[in-house]
Amino acid sequence: MSLRLVGNKHSVIGVLDLQGGVHEHLEHLERLGVAYKRVKQADDFTDLAGLIIPGGESSCLSRLLNIFEIKNVLLEAHRRGMKIWGTCAGAILLAMNVVDEAPCLGLINITIERNGFGS
């Protein structure tokens, strides 16, 4: 089975590779026949059709976005229309509201609650 991305047969999906369940997302994209690349620094955002933020530990991911100077690039990419999908901790980061006031990017109009493990 292959997935065809609308508009560009050469579209590449980025997977944020700072911490968490990166490998599982890469495996699924591989099985679907989707072109992908690991996103570890700001320069990796070039030519991406979309981004996946995997699960992990949301507080850690938030800190790493700042340490690796990716947060502002990610926000700008979203502002320009890049589609961003988050699973578990990735969804927490994308949320507009987190019940325990954990750091978030405020990109999706959802309220979410972290579990006891920070995801």
Foldseek 3Di string as FASTA:
>chain_A
DADADPPDNQAEEEEAPDFDDRVVVVVVNVVRVHHYDYDDALVVVPRHQAYEYEDGALLVVVVSCVVRVNLVSVVVCVVVPHYYHYDQSGVVQQELAEPVPRHHNNNDDDYYYHDPRRD
